Amino acid sequence: MFDDVLKGAKASKKNQSEELRPQSSPSKIDPPQERKPRASQGKRTNPDFKQVGAYVRKDTYLQIQRLLLEQPDKDFSDLVQELLSTYLDNHLTG
């Protein structure tokens, strides 16, 4: 009695899976292309740099961002590096 129901359900699932299966067509796979070496290395991959975090007042950070927009050759990490280097110079020589 239930055998016919199960056979019908299995046949229905088989038909659905065949409909959903993508058509197989011969595809051409391109060989991997060699990447060109980069001229410069970013701070993220440069071993001389270390990413650090600090809490800075929001209003101070917004003012700094506005000032740095006027200096496209300088970013926030450059400014922090400059300030920390100056701080070290003052405390190590004093």
PDB file of N, CA and C in Angstrom:
ATOM      1  N   MET A   1       0.832  -1.188   0.000  1.00  0.00           N
ATOM      2  CA  MET A   1       0.000   0.000   0.000  1.00  0.00           C
ATOM      3  C   MET A   1       0.875   1.250   0.000  1.00  0.00           C
ATOM      4  N   PHE A   2       1.857   1.322   0.907  1.00  0.00           N
ATOM      5  CA  PHE A   2       2.718   2.494   0.973  1.00  0.00           C
ATOM      6  C   PHE A   2       3.872   2.421  -0.016  1.00  0.00           C
ATOM      7  N   ASP A   3       4.106   1.241  -0.572  1.00  0.00           N
ATOM      8  CA  ASP A   3       5.205   1.087  -1.524  1.00  0.00           C
ATOM      9  C   ASP A   3       5.026   2.000  -2.730  1.00  0.00           C
ATOM     10  N   ASP A   4       3.799   2.112  -3.215  1.00  0.00           N
ATOM     11  CA  ASP A   4       3.537   2.971  -4.371  1.00  0.00           C
ATOM     12  C   ASP A   4       3.769   4.440  -4.031  1.00  0.00           C
ATOM     13  N   VAL A   5       3.393   4.833  -2.810  1.00  0.00           N
ATOM     14  CA  VAL A   5       3.590   6.218  -2.374  1.00  0.00           C
ATOM     15  C   VAL A   5       5.082   6.526  -2.278  1.00  0.00           C
ATOM     16  N   LEU A   6       5.863   5.617  -1.683  1.00  0.00           N
ATOM     17  CA  LEU A   6       7.307   5.820  -1.553  1.00  0.00           C
ATOM     18  C   LEU A   6       7.990   5.858  -2.911  1.00  0.00           C
ATOM     19  N   LYS A   7       7.586   4.972  -3.817  1.00  0.00           N
ATOM     20  CA  LYS A   7       8.175   4.970  -5.156  1.00  0.00           C
ATOM     21  C   LYS A   7       7.878   6.282  -5.870  1.00  0.00           C
ATOM     22  N   GLY A   8       6.656   6.774  -5.718  1.00  0.00           N
ATOM     23  CA  GLY A   8       6.280   8.043  -6.350  1.00  0.00           C
ATOM     24  C   GLY A   8       7.070   9.205  -5.777  1.00  0.00           C
ATOM     25  N   ALA A   9       7.290   9.200  -4.453  1.00  0.00           N
ATOM     26  CA  ALA A   9       8.057  10.273  -3.807  1.00  0.00           C
ATOM     27  C   ALA A   9       9.508  10.230  -4.242  1.00  0.00           C
ATOM     28  N   LYS A  10      10.091   9.031  -4.324  1.00  0.00           N
ATOM     29  CA  LYS A  10      11.483   8.899  -4.760  1.00  0.00           C
ATOM     30  C   LYS A  10      11.646   9.338  -6.204  1.00  0.00           C
ATOM     31  N   ALA A  11      10.694   8.969  -7.048  1.00  0.00           N
ATOM     32  CA  ALA A  11      10.762   9.363  -8.461  1.00  0.00           C
ATOM     33  C   ALA A  11      10.642  10.873  -8.594  1.00  0.00           C
ATOM     34  N   SER A  12       9.784  11.477  -7.779  1.00  0.00           N
ATOM     35  CA  SER A  12       9.609  12.929  -7.818  1.00  0.00           C
ATOM     36  C   SER A  12      10.886  13.643  -7.397  1.00  0.00           C
ATOM     37  N   LYS A  13      11.545  13.157  -6.329  1.00  0.00           N
ATOM     38  CA  LYS A  13      12.802  13.761  -5.872  1.00  0.00           C
ATOM     39  C   LYS A  13      13.888  13.613  -6.918  1.00  0.00           C
ATOM     40  N   LYS A  14      13.920  12.458  -7.590  1.00  0.00           N
ATOM     41  CA  LYS A  14      14.934  12.221  -8.612  1.00  0.00           C
ATOM     42  C   LYS A  14      14.743  13.190  -9.773  1.00  0.00           C
ATOM     43  N   ASN A  15      13.495  13.403 -10.186  1.00  0.00           N
ATOM     44  CA  ASN A  15      13.218  14.341 -11.278  1.00  0.00           C
ATOM     45  C   ASN A  15      13.594  15.763 -10.891  1.00  0.00           C
ATOM     46  N   GLN A  16      13.324  16.146  -9.640  1.00  0.00           N
ATOM     47  CA  GLN A  16      13.671  17.490  -9.180  1.00  0.00           C
ATOM     48  C   GLN A  16      15.174  17.681  -9.147  1.00  0.00           C
ATOM     49  N   SER A  17      15.902  16.686  -8.680  1.00  0.00           N
ATOM     50  CA  SER A  17      17.356  16.831  -8.599  1.00  0.00           C
ATOM     51  C   SER A  17      17.973  16.883  -9.988  1.00  0.00           C
ATOM     52  N   GLU A  18      17.395  16.183 -10.948  1.00  0.00           N
ATOM     53  CA  GLU A  18      17.904  16.251 -12.316  1.00  0.00           C
ATOM     54  C   GLU A  18      17.646  17.617 -12.922  1.00  0.00           C
ATOM     55  N   GLU A  19      16.505  18.236 -12.574  1.00  0.00           N
ATOM     56  CA  GLU A  19      16.191  19.568 -13.083  1.00  0.00           C
ATOM     57  C   GLU A  19      17.126  20.613 -12.489  1.00  0.00           C
ATOM     58  N   LEU A  20      17.502  20.445 -11.228  1.00  0.00           N
ATOM     59  CA  LEU A  20      18.350  21.422 -10.556  1.00  0.00           C
ATOM     60  C   LEU A  20      19.818  21.267 -10.906  1.00  0.00           C
ATOM     61  N   ARG A  21      20.207  20.093 -11.384  1.00  0.00           N
ATOM     62  CA  ARG A  21      21.601  19.843 -11.712  1.00  0.00           C
ATOM     63  C   ARG A  21      21.994  20.698 -12.916  1.00  0.00           C
ATOM     64  N   PRO A  22      23.101  21.434 -12.828  1.00  0.00           N
ATOM     65  CA  PRO A  22      23.510  22.276 -13.953  1.00  0.00           C
ATOM     66  C   PRO A  22      23.916  21.415 -15.145  1.00  0.00           C
ATOM     67  N   GLN A  23      23.658  21.958 -16.306  1.00  0.00           N
ATOM     68  CA  GLN A  23      24.042  21.271 -17.528  1.00  0.00           C
ATOM     69  C   GLN A  23      25.552  21.220 -17.594  1.00  0.00           C
ATOM     70  N   SER A  24      26.082  20.041 -17.834  1.00  0.00           N
ATOM     71  CA  SER A  24      27.535  19.938 -17.928  1.00  0.00           C
ATOM     72  C   SER A  24      27.945  20.240 -19.359  1.00  0.00           C
ATOM     73  N   SER A  25      28.811  21.201 -19.466  1.00  0.00           N
ATOM     74  CA  SER A  25      29.332  21.555 -20.779  1.00  0.00           C
ATOM     75  C   SER A  25      30.837  21.648 -20.660  1.00  0.00           C
ATOM     76  N   PRO A  26      31.508  21.307 -21.711  1.00  0.00           N
ATOM     77  CA  PRO A  26      32.967  21.400 -21.624  1.00  0.00           C
ATOM     78  C   PRO A  26      33.374  22.849 -21.396  1.00  0.00           C
ATOM     79  N   SER A  27      34.162  23.063 -20.371  1.00  0.00           N
ATOM     80  CA  SER A  27      34.595  24.424 -20.074  1.00  0.00           C
ATOM     81  C   SER A  27      36.100  24.512 -20.221  1.00  0.00           C
ATOM     82  N   LYS A  28      36.517  25.637 -20.679  1.00  0.00           N
ATOM     83  CA  LYS A  28      37.941  25.874 -20.870  1.00  0.00           C
ATOM     84  C   LYS A  28      38.478  26.534 -19.607  1.00  0.00           C
ATOM     85  N   ILE A  29      39.466  25.941 -19.008  1.00  0.00           N
ATOM     86  CA  ILE A  29      40.070  26.495 -17.799  1.00  0.00           C
ATOM     87  C   ILE A  29      41.367  27.171 -18.192  1.00  0.00           C
ATOM     88  N   ASP A  30      41.428  28.461 -17.892  1.00  0.00           N
ATOM     89  CA  ASP A  30      42.632  29.218 -18.211  1.00  0.00           C
ATOM     90  C   ASP A  30      43.732  28.873 -17.218  1.00  0.00           C
ATOM     91  N   PRO A  31      44.950  28.771 -17.679  1.00  0.00           N
ATOM     92  CA  PRO A  31      46.053  28.523 -16.748  1.00  0.00           C
ATOM     93  C   PRO A  31      46.250  29.735 -15.845  1.00  0.00           C
ATOM     94  N   PRO A  32      46.709  29.523 -14.618  1.00  0.00           N
ATOM     95  CA  PRO A  32      46.913  30.662 -13.710  1.00  0.00           C
ATOM     96  C   PRO A  32      47.941  31.629 -14.275  1.00  0.00           C
ATOM     97  N   GLN A  33      47.610  32.909 -14.156  1.00  0.00           N
ATOM     98  CA  GLN A  33      48.519  33.938 -14.651  1.00  0.00           C
ATOM     99  C   GLN A  33      49.490  34.325 -13.554  1.00  0.00           C
ATOM    100  N   GLU A  34      50.699  34.622 -13.951  1.00  0.00           N
ATOM    101  CA  GLU A  34      51.696  35.062 -12.984  1.00  0.00           C
ATOM    102  C   GLU A  34      51.395  36.501 -12.591  1.00  0.00           C
ATOM    103  N   ARG A  35      51.526  36.778 -11.308  1.00  0.00           N
ATOM    104  CA  ARG A  35      51.280  38.135 -10.821  1.00  0.00           C
ATOM    105  C   ARG A  35      52.533  38.965 -10.963  1.00  0.00           C
ATOM    106  N   LYS A  36      52.307  40.226 -11.269  1.00  0.00           N
ATOM    107  CA  LYS A  36      53.435  41.148 -11.373  1.00  0.00           C
ATOM    108  C   LYS A  36      53.873  41.554  -9.970  1.00  0.00           C
ATOM    109  N   PRO A  37      55.161  41.647  -9.729  1.00  0.00           N
ATOM    110  CA  PRO A  37      55.612  42.084  -8.403  1.00  0.00           C
ATOM    111  C   PRO A  37      55.233  43.542  -8.167  1.00  0.00           C
ATOM    112  N   ARG A  38      54.898  43.834  -6.949  1.00  0.00           N
ATOM    113  CA  ARG A  38      54.519  45.203  -6.593  1.00  0.00           C
ATOM    114  C   ARG A  38      55.759  46.061  -6.422  1.00  0.00           C
ATOM    115  N   ALA A  39      55.608  47.313  -6.785  1.00  0.00           N
ATOM    116  CA  ALA A  39      56.729  48.239  -6.671  1.00  0.00           C
ATOM    117  C   ALA A  39      56.983  48.623  -5.218  1.00  0.00           C
ATOM    118  N   SER A  40      55.914  48.807  -4.452  1.00  0.00           N
ATOM    119  CA  SER A  40      56.094  49.210  -3.062  1.00  0.00           C
ATOM    120  C   SER A  40      55.288  48.289  -2.155  1.00  0.00           C
ATOM    121  N   GLN A  41      55.646  48.293  -0.903  1.00  0.00           N
ATOM    122  CA  GLN A  41      55.006  47.433   0.077  1.00  0.00           C
ATOM    123  C   GLN A  41      54.197  48.304   1.024  1.00  0.00           C
ATOM    124  N   GLY A  42      52.977  47.891   1.331  1.00  0.00           N
ATOM    125  CA  GLY A  42      52.143  48.638   2.247  1.00  0.00           C
ATOM    126  C   GLY A  42      52.563  48.414   3.686  1.00  0.00           C
ATOM    127  N   LYS A  43      52.053  49.237   4.570  1.00  0.00           N
ATOM    128  CA  LYS A  43      52.406  49.134   5.991  1.00  0.00           C
ATOM    129  C   LYS A  43      51.926  47.813   6.590  1.00  0.00           C
ATOM    130  N   ARG A  44      50.807  47.316   6.107  1.00  0.00           N
ATOM    131  CA  ARG A  44      50.243  46.088   6.661  1.00  0.00           C
ATOM    132  C   ARG A  44      51.176  44.899   6.468  1.00  0.00           C
ATOM    133  N   THR A  45      51.839  44.825   5.325  1.00  0.00           N
ATOM    134  CA  THR A  45      52.715  43.687   5.042  1.00  0.00           C
ATOM    135  C   THR A  45      54.182  43.979   5.305  1.00  0.00           C
ATOM    136  N   ASN A  46      54.501  45.200   5.692  1.00  0.00           N
ATOM    137  CA  ASN A  46      55.882  45.576   5.971  1.00  0.00           C
ATOM    138  C   ASN A  46      56.236  45.138   7.396  1.00  0.00           C
ATOM    139  N   PRO A  47      57.259  44.311   7.558  1.00  0.00           N
ATOM    140  CA  PRO A  47      57.601  43.823   8.904  1.00  0.00           C
ATOM    141  C   PRO A  47      58.127  44.911   9.841  1.00  0.00           C
ATOM    142  N   ASP A  48      58.461  46.085   9.326  1.00  0.00           N
ATOM    143  CA  ASP A  48      58.926  47.182  10.176  1.00  0.00           C
ATOM    144  C   ASP A  48      57.776  47.893  10.886  1.00  0.00           C
ATOM    145  N   PHE A  49      56.537  47.573  10.523  1.00  0.00           N
ATOM    146  CA  PHE A  49      55.373  48.225  11.116  1.00  0.00           C
ATOM    147  C   PHE A  49      54.573  47.221  11.932  1.00  0.00           C
ATOM    148  N   LYS A  50      53.946  47.711  13.002  1.00  0.00           N
ATOM    149  CA  LYS A  50      53.098  46.899  13.876  1.00  0.00           C
ATOM    150  C   LYS A  50      51.796  47.647  14.077  1.00  0.00           C
ATOM    151  N   GLN A  51      50.663  46.988  13.824  1.00  0.00           N
ATOM    152  CA  GLN A  51      49.377  47.631  14.038  1.00  0.00           C
ATOM    153  C   GLN A  51      49.073  47.662  15.528  1.00  0.00           C
ATOM    154  N   VAL A  52      48.711  48.832  16.026  1.00  0.00           N
ATOM    155  CA  VAL A  52      48.382  49.001  17.438  1.00  0.00           C
ATOM    156  C   VAL A  52      47.062  49.748  17.546  1.00  0.00           C
ATOM    157  N   GLY A  53      46.477  49.725  18.699  1.00  0.00           N
ATOM    158  CA  GLY A  53      45.224  50.430  18.928  1.00  0.00           C
ATOM    159  C   GLY A  53      45.361  51.383  20.099  1.00  0.00           C
ATOM    160  N   ALA A  54      44.590  52.448  20.055  1.00  0.00           N
ATOM    161  CA  ALA A  54      44.607  53.423  21.144  1.00  0.00           C
ATOM    162  C   ALA A  54      43.239  54.089  21.216  1.00  0.00           C
ATOM    163  N   TYR A  55      42.852  54.460  22.391  1.00  0.00           N
ATOM    164  CA  TYR A  55      41.616  55.211  22.561  1.00  0.00           C
ATOM    165  C   TYR A  55      41.929  56.694  22.486  1.00  0.00           C
ATOM    166  N   VAL A  56      41.253  57.367  21.561  1.00  0.00           N
ATOM    167  CA  VAL A  56      41.441  58.801  21.343  1.00  0.00           C
ATOM    168  C   VAL A  56      40.059  59.437  21.443  1.00  0.00           C
ATOM    169  N   ARG A  57      40.009  60.608  22.028  1.00  0.00           N
ATOM    170  CA  ARG A  57      38.720  61.298  22.138  1.00  0.00           C
ATOM    171  C   ARG A  57      38.136  61.519  20.748  1.00  0.00           C
ATOM    172  N   LYS A  58      36.837  61.298  20.625  1.00  0.00           N
ATOM    173  CA  LYS A  58      36.164  61.368  19.335  1.00  0.00           C
ATOM    174  C   LYS A  58      36.314  62.739  18.679  1.00  0.00           C
ATOM    175  N   ASP A  59      36.135  63.805  19.462  1.00  0.00           N
ATOM    176  CA  ASP A  59      36.240  65.154  18.890  1.00  0.00           C
ATOM    177  C   ASP A  59      37.659  65.441  18.397  1.00  0.00           C
ATOM    178  N   THR A  60      38.659  64.952  19.122  1.00  0.00           N
ATOM    179  CA  THR A  60      40.052  65.131  18.692  1.00  0.00           C
ATOM    180  C   THR A  60      40.288  64.396  17.378  1.00  0.00           C
ATOM    181  N   TYR A  61      39.816  63.163  17.299  1.00  0.00           N
ATOM    182  CA  TYR A  61      40.013  62.364  16.095  1.00  0.00           C
ATOM    183  C   TYR A  61      39.333  63.002  14.878  1.00  0.00           C
ATOM    184  N   LEU A  62      38.128  63.529  15.063  1.00  0.00           N
ATOM    185  CA  LEU A  62      37.424  64.180  13.953  1.00  0.00           C
ATOM    186  C   LEU A  62      38.170  65.422  13.468  1.00  0.00           C
ATOM    187  N   GLN A  63      38.711  66.206  14.405  1.00  0.00           N
ATOM    188  CA  GLN A  63      39.486  67.393  14.013  1.00  0.00           C
ATOM    189  C   GLN A  63      40.744  66.992  13.251  1.00  0.00           C
ATOM    190  N   ILE A  64      41.406  65.945  13.710  1.00  0.00           N
ATOM    191  CA  ILE A  64      42.612  65.461  13.032  1.00  0.00           C
ATOM    192  C   ILE A  64      42.265  64.968  11.634  1.00  0.00           C
ATOM    193  N   GLN A  65      41.170  64.245  11.495  1.00  0.00           N
ATOM    194  CA  GLN A  65      40.763  63.758  10.175  1.00  0.00           C
ATOM    195  C   GLN A  65      40.528  64.916   9.211  1.00  0.00           C
ATOM    196  N   ARG A  66      39.882  65.973   9.701  1.00  0.00           N
ATOM    197  CA  ARG A  66      39.644  67.147   8.843  1.00  0.00           C
ATOM    198  C   ARG A  66      40.958  67.767   8.389  1.00  0.00           C
ATOM    199  N   LEU A  67      41.907  67.903   9.318  1.00  0.00           N
ATOM    200  CA  LEU A  67      43.206  68.484   8.955  1.00  0.00           C
ATOM    201  C   LEU A  67      43.968  67.588   7.978  1.00  0.00           C
ATOM    202  N   LEU A  68      43.893  66.288   8.171  1.00  0.00           N
ATOM    203  CA  LEU A  68      44.616  65.367   7.293  1.00  0.00           C
ATOM    204  C   LEU A  68      44.012  65.300   5.892  1.00  0.00           C
ATOM    205  N   LEU A  69      42.742  65.653   5.749  1.00  0.00           N
ATOM    206  CA  LEU A  69      42.138  65.701   4.419  1.00  0.00           C
ATOM    207  C   LEU A  69      42.820  66.741   3.536  1.00  0.00           C
ATOM    208  N   GLU A  70      43.372  67.767   4.164  1.00  0.00           N
ATOM    209  CA  GLU A  70      44.072  68.820   3.424  1.00  0.00           C
ATOM    210  C   GLU A  70      45.499  68.410   3.078  1.00  0.00           C
ATOM    211  N   GLN A  71      45.965  67.292   3.635  1.00  0.00           N
ATOM    212  CA  GLN A  71      47.323  66.795   3.381  1.00  0.00           C
ATOM    213  C   GLN A  71      47.228  65.361   2.847  1.00  0.00           C
ATOM    214  N   PRO A  72      46.969  65.193   1.561  1.00  0.00           N
ATOM    215  CA  PRO A  72      46.753  63.846   1.027  1.00  0.00           C
ATOM    216  C   PRO A  72      47.973  62.926   1.103  1.00  0.00           C
ATOM    217  N   ASP A  73      49.162  63.486   1.267  1.00  0.00           N
ATOM    218  CA  ASP A  73      50.363  62.653   1.346  1.00  0.00           C
ATOM    219  C   ASP A  73      50.638  62.150   2.762  1.00  0.00           C
ATOM    220  N   LYS A  74      49.801  62.533   3.730  1.00  0.00           N
ATOM    221  CA  LYS A  74      50.008  62.143   5.126  1.00  0.00           C
ATOM    222  C   LYS A  74      48.730  61.499   5.657  1.00  0.00           C
ATOM    223  N   ASP A  75      48.876  60.359   6.328  1.00  0.00           N
ATOM    224  CA  ASP A  75      47.703  59.727   6.921  1.00  0.00           C
ATOM    225  C   ASP A  75      47.841  59.681   8.443  1.00  0.00           C
ATOM    226  N   PHE A  76      46.819  59.142   9.092  1.00  0.00           N
ATOM    227  CA  PHE A  76      46.772  59.136  10.548  1.00  0.00           C
ATOM    228  C   PHE A  76      47.961  58.396  11.145  1.00  0.00           C
ATOM    229  N   SER A  77      48.327  57.265  10.565  1.00  0.00           N
ATOM    230  CA  SER A  77      49.445  56.503  11.127  1.00  0.00           C
ATOM    231  C   SER A  77      50.767  57.254  10.972  1.00  0.00           C
ATOM    232  N   ASP A  78      50.903  58.032   9.882  1.00  0.00           N
ATOM    233  CA  ASP A  78      52.112  58.854   9.730  1.00  0.00           C
ATOM    234  C   ASP A  78      52.192  59.904  10.840  1.00  0.00           C
ATOM    235  N   LEU A  79      51.050  60.518  11.138  1.00  0.00           N
ATOM    236  CA  LEU A  79      51.009  61.530  12.192  1.00  0.00           C
ATOM    237  C   LEU A  79      51.338  60.913  13.554  1.00  0.00           C
ATOM    238  N   VAL A  80      50.751  59.762  13.853  1.00  0.00           N
ATOM    239  CA  VAL A  80      51.016  59.100  15.131  1.00  0.00           C
ATOM    240  C   VAL A  80      52.491  58.729  15.232  1.00  0.00           C
ATOM    241  N   GLN A  81      53.064  58.205  14.148  1.00  0.00           N
ATOM    242  CA  GLN A  81      54.489  57.853  14.146  1.00  0.00           C
ATOM    243  C   GLN A  81      55.355  59.081  14.420  1.00  0.00           C
ATOM    244  N   GLU A  82      55.015  60.184  13.769  1.00  0.00           N
ATOM    245  CA  GLU A  82      55.774  61.431  13.966  1.00  0.00           C
ATOM    246  C   GLU A  82      55.695  61.899  15.419  1.00  0.00           C
ATOM    247  N   LEU A  83      54.500  61.867  15.984  1.00  0.00           N
ATOM    248  CA  LEU A  83      54.322  62.312  17.368  1.00  0.00           C
ATOM    249  C   LEU A  83      55.032  61.385  18.359  1.00  0.00           C
ATOM    250  N   LEU A  84      54.954  60.079  18.132  1.00  0.00           N
ATOM    251  CA  LEU A  84      55.627  59.139  19.032  1.00  0.00           C
ATOM    252  C   LEU A  84      57.145  59.252  18.930  1.00  0.00           C
ATOM    253  N   SER A  85      57.655  59.473  17.731  1.00  0.00           N
ATOM    254  CA  SER A  85      59.104  59.647  17.558  1.00  0.00           C
ATOM    255  C   SER A  85      59.588  60.904  18.264  1.00  0.00           C
ATOM    256  N   THR A  86      58.828  61.984  18.151  1.00  0.00           N
ATOM    257  CA  THR A  86      59.176  63.228  18.836  1.00  0.00           C
ATOM    258  C   THR A  86      59.152  63.025  20.345  1.00  0.00           C
ATOM    259  N   TYR A  87      58.149  62.326  20.832  1.00  0.00           N
ATOM    260  CA  TYR A  87      58.038  62.041  22.261  1.00  0.00           C
ATOM    261  C   TYR A  87      59.251  61.242  22.745  1.00  0.00           C
ATOM    262  N   LEU A  88      59.620  60.217  21.983  1.00  0.00           N
ATOM    263  CA  LEU A  88      60.792  59.409  22.354  1.00  0.00           C
ATOM    264  C   LEU A  88      62.072  60.239  22.348  1.00  0.00           C
ATOM    265  N   ASP A  89      62.245  61.054  21.321  1.00  0.00           N
ATOM    266  CA  ASP A  89      63.442  61.901  21.239  1.00  0.00           C
ATOM    267  C   ASP A  89      63.551  62.813  22.452  1.00  0.00           C
ATOM    268  N   ASN A  90      62.428  63.404  22.846  1.00  0.00           N
ATOM    269  CA  ASN A  90      62.427  64.321  23.990  1.00  0.00           C
ATOM    270  C   ASN A  90      62.725  63.606  25.304  1.00  0.00           C
ATOM    271  N   HIS A  91      62.267  62.387  25.447  1.00  0.00           N
ATOM    272  CA  HIS A  91      62.447  61.679  26.711  1.00  0.00           C
ATOM    273  C   HIS A  91      63.740  60.880  26.789  1.00  0.00           C
ATOM    274  N   LEU A  92      64.275  60.491  25.667  1.00  0.00           N
ATOM    275  CA  LEU A  92      65.521  59.728  25.687  1.00  0.00           C
ATOM    276  C   LEU A  92      66.746  60.634  25.743  1.00  0.00           C
ATOM    277  N   THR A  93      66.618  61.862  25.245  1.00  0.00           N
ATOM    278  CA  THR A  93      67.757  62.786  25.249  1.00  0.00           C
ATOM    279  C   THR A  93      67.709  63.726  26.444  1.00  0.00           C
ATOM    280  N   GLY A  94      66.615  63.746  27.158  1.00  0.00           N
ATOM    281  CA  GLY A  94      66.449  64.699  28.247  1.00  0.00           C
ATOM    282  C   GLY A  94      66.821  64.163  29.529  1.00  0.00           C
TER     283      GLY A  94
END
